[in-house]
């Protein structure tokens, strides 16, 4: 009899983001692993998961799940009921939190521990919430899934968790969405950005302090200010804009161009990433580094940092910098002055990205689910 797994996708935000791409990619791949899949989701995602995971049982929760407080309350009381109704053997919680009394073996994904190791990058409320959820999962979950060896090692070091309880499952990349773009895709995106084929450095992600857009703005400006045709900087994404970032932007020399398009449609991402001179991802640390992998899959040269999980993703196929503005300026200028290296990085990154797939990630998740199911305590006979 196939293992029945309930995945709680109710925490996926409207803009999808990295969490949405993780859950979406995993659902599509789990559907072909032989597990009997059930998905709890927000009503707005019911059709989406029905399409991504044909044959899965899709359970849409109450309308109020779009509000975090209501979703967390439903997670405690409603999700265990859904698990019983669908006859689940295992519950998978893909974003830190879990019911305190799930009634079943429960697997929780812990993406990173930056709120422990780099707490000043978080608001007090969000940091406290993530710390509490992670500590609870460390004790209550049957097993933990992490996207990298770096995150596993942090869990062991910071919280003293038995490494035997932790399974590593690298993320994949959707090669149908993230691929080398053709000239039409690139020209369409640059036209929408107002660049019309002019060169640019791309950043994609939230503008929160951990992603380090602040240092990138200053580093880019220093790197390109004296070039005869300086490339623009495009900060794709949203959230986390701060007064400090405003100040850095205000200090950019007037002859340089910085563009903030906000969230970009998924269909534009290959053209945006693959059309860039460089994709800059100078993060202070990542649990995995999905944006780096996606840029590599689009054939883009990538500049990132040698922090936490990023070297596990980039290997020798990306360029590295320290996360401070001066180091970014030096590393970025060296790349811009070396077109041959840019080309070789694009080729190497594309080749390395082919090694990551959601099918491989799903197989690692299924192995974890089976370990969790084997740890189920039989109910006493009535």
Protein backbone atom coordinates (compact mmCIF):
# COMPACT_ATOMS: atom_id res chain seq x y z
CA UNK A 1 0.00 0.00 0.00
CA UNK A 2 1.42 3.41 -0.99
CA UNK A 3 2.59 5.79 1.71
CA UNK A 4 -0.03 8.53 2.22
CA UNK A 5 1.65 11.94 2.72
CA UNK A 6 -0.15 15.18 3.52
CA UNK A 7 1.82 18.30 2.56
CA UNK A 8 0.68 21.57 4.12
CA UNK A 9 1.05 24.23 1.42
CA UNK A 10 -1.11 26.82 3.18
CA UNK A 11 1.89 29.02 4.05
CA UNK A 12 2.87 29.66 0.42
CA UNK A 13 2.54 33.43 -0.18
CA UNK A 14 0.67 34.99 -3.08
CA UNK A 15 3.90 36.13 -4.75
CA UNK A 16 5.20 32.51 -4.54
CA UNK A 17 8.82 33.53 -3.85
CA UNK A 18 11.43 30.92 -2.95
CA UNK A 19 9.00 29.06 -0.66
CA UNK A 20 6.44 28.84 -3.44
CA UNK A 21 9.01 27.55 -5.92
CA UNK A 22 10.14 24.93 -3.38
CA UNK A 23 6.63 23.68 -2.68
CA UNK A 24 5.50 23.88 -6.30
CA UNK A 25 8.57 22.06 -7.60
CA UNK A 26 8.33 19.41 -4.92
CA UNK A 27 4.61 18.77 -5.48
CA UNK A 28 5.09 18.27 -9.20
CA UNK A 29 7.90 15.78 -8.64
CA UNK A 30 6.29 13.93 -5.70
CA UNK A 31 3.30 13.11 -7.90
CA UNK A 32 5.49 10.73 -9.92
CA UNK A 33 7.28 9.01 -7.00
CA UNK A 34 4.53 6.56 -6.11
CA UNK A 35 3.53 8.20 -2.83
CA UNK A 36 -0.20 8.76 -2.27
CA UNK A 37 -0.17 12.54 -2.08
CA UNK A 38 -2.59 14.93 -0.38
CA UNK A 39 -2.10 18.71 -0.34
CA UNK A 40 -3.68 21.24 2.02
CA UNK A 41 -3.62 24.70 0.47
CA UNK A 42 -5.28 28.08 0.33
CA UNK A 43 -8.40 28.28 -1.82
CA UNK A 44 -6.63 30.45 -4.39
CA UNK A 45 -4.11 27.62 -4.96
CA UNK A 46 -6.57 24.75 -5.27
CA UNK A 47 -6.54 24.68 -9.07
CA UNK A 48 -2.77 25.21 -9.18
CA UNK A 49 -1.95 22.15 -7.09
CA UNK A 50 -4.56 20.08 -8.86
CA UNK A 51 -2.67 20.84 -12.07
CA UNK A 52 0.83 20.39 -10.61
CA UNK A 53 0.02 17.11 -8.88
CA UNK A 54 -2.64 15.28 -10.90
CA UNK A 55 -4.11 12.45 -8.88
CA UNK A 56 -3.36 14.10 -5.54
CA UNK A 57 -6.13 14.83 -3.05
CA UNK A 58 -6.39 18.62 -2.80
CA UNK A 59 -7.96 20.08 0.34
CA UNK A 60 -8.61 23.83 0.32
CA UNK A 61 -8.70 25.41 3.75
CA UNK A 62 -10.88 28.26 5.03
CA UNK A 63 -10.80 31.67 3.36
CA UNK A 64 -9.06 33.21 6.39
CA UNK A 65 -5.83 31.27 5.77
CA UNK A 66 -4.49 34.27 3.86
CA UNK A 67 -3.94 35.95 7.25
CA UNK A 68 -0.93 34.61 9.16
CA UNK A 69 -2.55 34.59 12.61
CA UNK A 70 -5.57 32.65 11.38
CA UNK A 71 -3.38 30.27 9.38
CA UNK A 72 -1.26 29.42 12.41
CA UNK A 73 -4.39 28.83 14.50
CA UNK A 74 -5.83 26.56 11.79
CA UNK A 75 -2.53 24.71 11.62
CA UNK A 76 -2.93 23.71 15.26
CA UNK A 77 -6.57 22.63 15.14
CA UNK A 78 -7.66 22.17 11.53
CA UNK A 79 -4.65 20.51 9.93
CA UNK A 80 -4.65 17.41 12.21
CA UNK A 81 -8.33 16.96 11.34
CA UNK A 82 -7.52 17.11 7.62
CA UNK A 83 -4.71 14.60 8.14
CA UNK A 84 -7.17 12.19 9.76
CA UNK A 85 -9.81 12.75 7.08
CA UNK A 86 -7.42 11.96 4.21
CA UNK A 87 -5.91 8.99 6.05
CA UNK A 88 -2.37 10.37 6.07
CA UNK A 89 0.56 8.32 7.33
CA UNK A 90 2.92 11.31 7.49
CA UNK A 91 2.49 15.11 7.58
CA UNK A 92 5.07 17.33 5.88
CA UNK A 93 5.30 20.94 7.07
CA UNK A 94 7.51 22.79 4.54
CA UNK A 95 8.20 26.02 6.40
CA UNK A 96 9.37 25.73 10.03
CA UNK A 97 6.03 25.51 11.88
CA UNK A 98 4.02 22.44 12.89
CA UNK A 99 1.00 21.43 14.98
CA UNK A 100 1.91 20.75 18.59
CA UNK A 101 -0.31 17.64 18.57
CA UNK A 102 -0.27 16.40 14.98
CA UNK A 103 -1.31 12.86 15.90
CA UNK A 104 0.99 11.49 13.18
CA UNK A 105 4.69 11.36 12.32
CA UNK A 106 5.58 14.85 11.17
CA UNK A 107 8.43 16.05 8.97
CA UNK A 108 9.37 19.74 9.09
CA UNK A 109 11.56 21.63 6.61
CA UNK A 110 14.02 24.04 8.24
CA UNK A 111 15.43 26.30 5.54
CA UNK A 112 18.15 28.10 7.50
CA UNK A 113 19.11 29.40 10.94
CA UNK A 114 20.03 32.98 10.08
CA UNK A 115 17.62 34.30 12.73
CA UNK A 116 19.89 32.61 15.32
CA UNK A 117 23.25 33.37 13.73
CA UNK A 118 22.53 36.81 12.21
CA UNK A 119 19.62 38.11 14.33
CA UNK A 120 20.11 41.81 13.61
CA UNK A 121 18.95 41.13 10.04
CA UNK A 122 15.43 40.36 11.30
CA UNK A 123 12.75 42.33 13.06
CA UNK A 124 12.37 41.31 16.72
CA UNK A 125 8.93 39.82 16.06
CA UNK A 126 9.86 37.76 13.00
CA UNK A 127 13.12 36.59 14.56
CA UNK A 128 11.40 35.52 17.77
CA UNK A 129 8.67 33.70 15.82
CA UNK A 130 11.15 31.76 13.67
CA UNK A 131 13.31 30.85 16.67
CA UNK A 132 10.28 29.55 18.56
CA UNK A 133 9.03 27.53 15.58
CA UNK A 134 12.45 26.00 14.96
CA UNK A 135 12.96 25.05 18.60
CA UNK A 136 9.52 23.44 18.66
CA UNK A 137 10.20 21.48 15.48
CA UNK A 138 13.59 20.38 16.81
CA UNK A 139 11.85 18.72 19.75
CA UNK A 140 8.43 17.73 18.39
CA UNK A 141 9.03 16.75 14.76
CA UNK A 142 9.70 13.15 13.91
CA UNK A 143 12.30 14.17 11.36
CA UNK A 144 13.73 17.37 9.87
CA UNK A 145 14.49 18.12 6.23
CA UNK A 146 17.07 20.75 5.33
CA UNK A 147 18.14 21.98 1.87
CA UNK A 148 21.91 21.85 2.46
CA UNK A 149 24.70 20.38 4.54
CA UNK A 150 25.36 23.90 5.82
CA UNK A 151 21.88 24.13 7.37
CA UNK A 152 22.22 20.63 8.85
CA UNK A 153 25.53 21.59 10.44
CA UNK A 154 24.01 24.80 11.85
CA UNK A 155 21.14 22.84 13.42
CA UNK A 156 23.64 20.53 15.09
CA UNK A 157 25.92 23.36 16.22
CA UNK A 158 23.33 25.92 17.35
CA UNK A 159 20.57 23.70 18.75
CA UNK A 160 22.43 20.49 19.46
CA UNK A 161 20.10 18.36 17.32
CA UNK A 162 21.08 14.76 16.69
CA UNK A 163 22.28 14.71 13.06
CA UNK A 164 20.63 11.30 12.66
CA UNK A 165 17.26 13.11 12.84
CA UNK A 166 18.11 15.38 9.90
CA UNK A 167 17.85 14.58 6.19
CA UNK A 168 19.44 16.76 3.48
CA UNK A 169 17.41 17.27 0.30
CA UNK A 170 18.82 19.80 -2.13
CA UNK A 171 16.30 21.93 -3.97
CA UNK A 172 15.85 21.44 -7.67
CA UNK A 173 15.23 23.89 -10.47
CA UNK A 174 12.39 23.89 -12.97
CA UNK A 175 14.30 23.70 -16.24
CA UNK A 176 11.12 24.40 -18.18
CA UNK A 177 10.88 27.81 -16.54
CA UNK A 178 14.55 28.60 -15.93
CA UNK A 179 16.47 28.08 -19.15
CA UNK A 180 18.70 29.94 -21.57
CA UNK A 181 16.56 32.67 -23.14
CA UNK A 182 16.41 33.50 -26.81
CA UNK A 183 17.00 37.01 -28.15
CA UNK A 184 13.30 37.77 -28.30
CA UNK A 185 12.83 36.98 -24.59
CA UNK A 186 15.77 39.18 -23.65
CA UNK A 187 14.68 42.10 -25.84
CA UNK A 188 11.12 41.90 -24.48
CA UNK A 189 12.35 42.15 -20.89
CA UNK A 190 14.86 44.93 -21.53
CA UNK A 191 12.17 46.89 -23.37
CA UNK A 192 9.85 46.59 -20.38
CA UNK A 193 12.67 47.76 -18.11
CA UNK A 194 13.31 50.74 -20.38
CA UNK A 195 16.80 49.50 -21.22
CA UNK A 196 16.13 48.47 -24.83
CA UNK A 197 19.13 46.18 -25.12
CA UNK A 198 21.54 48.20 -22.96
CA UNK A 199 23.70 46.20 -20.51
CA UNK A 200 22.71 45.67 -16.89
CA UNK A 201 23.63 43.86 -13.67
CA UNK A 202 20.70 41.89 -12.27
CA UNK A 203 19.60 41.26 -8.70
CA UNK A 204 16.56 39.10 -7.96
CA UNK A 205 15.10 38.52 -4.53
CA UNK A 206 13.70 40.25 -1.50
CA UNK A 207 15.31 43.53 -0.50
CA UNK A 208 15.72 42.41 3.11
CA UNK A 209 19.07 43.03 4.82
CA UNK A 210 20.19 39.39 4.51
CA UNK A 211 20.03 39.57 0.70
CA UNK A 212 22.45 42.51 0.94
CA UNK A 213 21.05 44.82 -1.75
CA UNK A 214 22.35 47.77 0.28
CA UNK A 215 26.00 46.76 -0.18
CA UNK A 216 25.34 45.80 -3.79
CA UNK A 217 24.05 49.27 -4.67
CA UNK A 218 27.16 50.91 -3.26
CA UNK A 219 29.51 48.28 -4.71
CA UNK A 220 27.97 48.47 -8.18
CA UNK A 221 28.16 52.26 -8.22
CA UNK A 222 31.85 52.17 -7.30
CA UNK A 223 32.58 49.44 -9.84
CA UNK A 224 30.99 51.08 -12.89
CA UNK A 225 31.15 54.85 -12.26
CA UNK A 226 34.18 55.44 -14.52
CA UNK A 227 33.14 53.12 -17.36
CA UNK A 228 32.29 54.82 -20.67
CA UNK A 229 29.04 52.81 -20.92
CA UNK A 230 28.23 51.80 -17.33
CA UNK A 231 25.73 48.96 -17.00
CA UNK A 232 22.53 49.69 -15.10
CA UNK A 233 21.62 47.90 -11.88
CA UNK A 234 18.18 46.29 -11.83
CA UNK A 235 16.84 45.34 -8.39
CA UNK A 236 14.14 42.80 -9.19
CA UNK A 237 11.91 41.75 -6.31
CA UNK A 238 10.30 43.53 -3.40
CA UNK A 239 9.86 43.71 0.33
CA UNK A 240 12.36 44.94 2.87
CA UNK A 241 13.09 48.36 1.36
CA UNK A 242 14.67 50.47 4.11
CA UNK A 243 15.76 54.05 4.81
CA UNK A 244 19.37 52.84 4.56
CA UNK A 245 18.71 51.53 1.05
CA UNK A 246 17.03 54.84 0.18
CA UNK A 247 20.15 56.65 1.33
CA UNK A 248 22.45 54.39 -0.72
CA UNK A 249 20.32 54.95 -3.81
CA UNK A 250 20.37 58.70 -3.23
CA UNK A 251 24.18 58.62 -3.26
CA UNK A 252 24.39 56.90 -6.66
CA UNK A 253 26.02 59.29 -9.18
CA UNK A 254 23.41 60.87 -11.47
CA UNK A 255 24.91 59.43 -14.66
CA UNK A 256 24.28 55.87 -13.42
CA UNK A 257 20.94 54.15 -13.78
CA UNK A 258 19.26 52.05 -11.09
CA UNK A 259 15.92 50.41 -11.89
CA UNK A 260 13.40 48.98 -9.41
CA UNK A 261 10.77 47.04 -11.37
CA UNK A 262 9.35 45.27 -8.31
CA UNK A 263 8.19 41.67 -8.75
CA UNK A 264 8.79 40.29 -12.21
CA UNK A 265 6.42 37.82 -13.92
CA UNK A 266 7.75 34.25 -13.96
CA UNK A 267 7.66 34.29 -17.76
CA UNK A 268 10.15 37.21 -17.75
CA UNK A 269 12.72 35.57 -15.49
CA UNK A 270 14.75 33.66 -18.13
CA UNK A 271 15.11 36.82 -20.20
CA UNK A 272 15.89 38.94 -17.14
CA UNK A 273 18.49 36.59 -15.65
CA UNK A 274 19.94 35.18 -18.85
CA UNK A 275 20.16 38.62 -20.46
CA UNK A 276 22.21 40.16 -17.65
CA UNK A 277 25.95 40.82 -17.87
CA UNK A 278 26.15 39.45 -14.32
CA UNK A 279 23.57 38.25 -11.81
CA UNK A 280 24.72 39.57 -8.43
CA UNK A 281 23.57 37.63 -5.37
CA UNK A 282 25.84 38.92 -2.57
CA UNK A 283 23.79 37.37 0.24
CA UNK A 284 25.12 37.23 3.78
CA UNK A 285 23.98 33.61 3.94
CA UNK A 286 21.43 31.19 2.53
CA UNK A 287 19.94 27.90 3.54
CA UNK A 288 20.31 26.87 -0.09
CA UNK A 289 20.53 29.67 -2.65
CA UNK A 290 17.69 29.01 -5.09
CA UNK A 291 18.17 32.36 -6.84
CA UNK A 292 21.79 31.45 -7.63
CA UNK A 293 20.75 28.08 -9.06
CA UNK A 294 17.98 29.63 -11.15
CA UNK A 295 20.36 32.24 -12.59
CA UNK A 296 22.88 29.50 -13.45
CA UNK A 297 20.11 27.54 -15.19
CA UNK A 298 19.48 30.61 -17.37
CA UNK A 299 23.12 30.65 -18.46
CA UNK A 300 23.98 33.80 -16.48
CA UNK A 301 27.40 34.50 -14.96
CA UNK A 302 26.84 34.71 -11.19
CA UNK A 303 28.63 36.67 -8.48
CA UNK A 304 27.77 35.48 -4.98
CA UNK A 305 29.39 35.02 -1.56
CA UNK A 306 31.25 32.10 -0.07
CA UNK A 307 28.81 31.92 2.84
CA UNK A 308 26.79 29.03 4.33
CA UNK A 309 25.17 26.91 1.57
CA UNK A 310 26.06 29.06 -1.43
CA UNK A 311 29.29 27.17 -2.29
CA UNK A 312 27.28 23.91 -2.26
CA UNK A 313 25.16 25.34 -5.05
CA UNK A 314 27.70 27.36 -7.02
CA UNK A 315 30.76 25.15 -6.65
CA UNK A 316 33.47 26.29 -9.06
CA UNK A 317 30.91 27.57 -11.57
CA UNK A 318 30.36 31.02 -10.03
CA UNK A 319 32.50 33.96 -8.90
CA UNK A 320 32.73 34.82 -5.22
CA UNK A 321 33.08 38.00 -3.18
CA UNK A 322 32.95 39.03 0.44
CA UNK A 323 29.59 40.69 1.23
CA UNK A 324 30.90 44.21 1.96
CA UNK A 325 30.50 46.97 -0.63
CA UNK A 326 34.24 47.42 -1.29
CA UNK A 327 34.75 43.73 -2.01
CA UNK A 328 31.67 43.64 -4.25
CA UNK A 329 33.04 46.61 -6.20
CA UNK A 330 36.40 44.92 -6.80
CA UNK A 331 34.90 41.53 -7.73
CA UNK A 332 32.22 43.00 -9.98
CA UNK A 333 34.67 45.26 -11.83
CA UNK A 334 37.04 42.33 -12.38
CA UNK A 335 34.21 40.41 -14.04
CA UNK A 336 33.06 43.33 -16.17
CA UNK A 337 36.64 43.80 -17.39
CA UNK A 338 36.94 40.14 -18.40
CA UNK A 339 34.34 39.15 -21.04
CA UNK A 340 35.97 35.75 -21.57
CA UNK A 341 35.55 34.89 -17.91
CA UNK A 342 31.95 36.02 -17.98
CA UNK A 343 31.32 33.69 -20.90
CA UNK A 344 33.05 30.74 -19.23
CA UNK A 345 31.13 31.30 -15.98
CA UNK A 346 27.86 31.34 -17.89
CA UNK A 347 28.72 28.01 -19.53
CA UNK A 348 29.97 26.43 -16.29
CA UNK A 349 26.96 27.60 -14.30
CA UNK A 350 24.53 26.29 -16.88
CA UNK A 351 26.23 22.88 -16.87
CA UNK A 352 26.23 22.69 -13.07
CA UNK A 353 22.55 23.67 -12.86
CA UNK A 354 21.65 20.56 -14.85
CA UNK A 355 22.80 18.47 -11.86
CA UNK A 356 19.91 19.78 -9.71
CA UNK A 357 16.38 18.51 -10.27
CA UNK A 358 13.12 18.39 -8.35
CA UNK A 359 12.95 14.66 -9.11
CA UNK A 360 16.13 14.08 -7.10
CA UNK A 361 14.82 16.36 -4.34
CA UNK A 362 11.51 14.48 -4.25
CA UNK A 363 13.32 11.14 -3.95
CA UNK A 364 15.23 12.46 -0.92
CA UNK A 365 11.98 13.72 0.61
CA UNK A 366 10.27 10.36 0.11
CA UNK A 367 13.16 8.59 1.83
CA UNK A 368 12.67 10.95 4.79
CA UNK A 369 8.90 10.36 4.84
CA UNK A 370 9.47 6.60 4.98
CA UNK A 371 11.88 6.96 7.89
CA UNK A 372 9.29 9.08 9.70
CA UNK A 373 6.50 6.58 9.01
CA UNK A 374 8.67 3.76 10.38
CA UNK A 375 8.90 5.69 13.66
CA UNK A 376 5.13 5.79 14.14
CA UNK A 377 4.07 4.48 17.53
CA UNK A 378 1.24 1.95 17.10
CA UNK A 379 -2.02 2.93 18.77
CA UNK A 380 -2.95 0.71 21.69
CA UNK A 381 -5.69 -1.81 20.97
CA UNK A 382 -9.12 -0.72 22.17
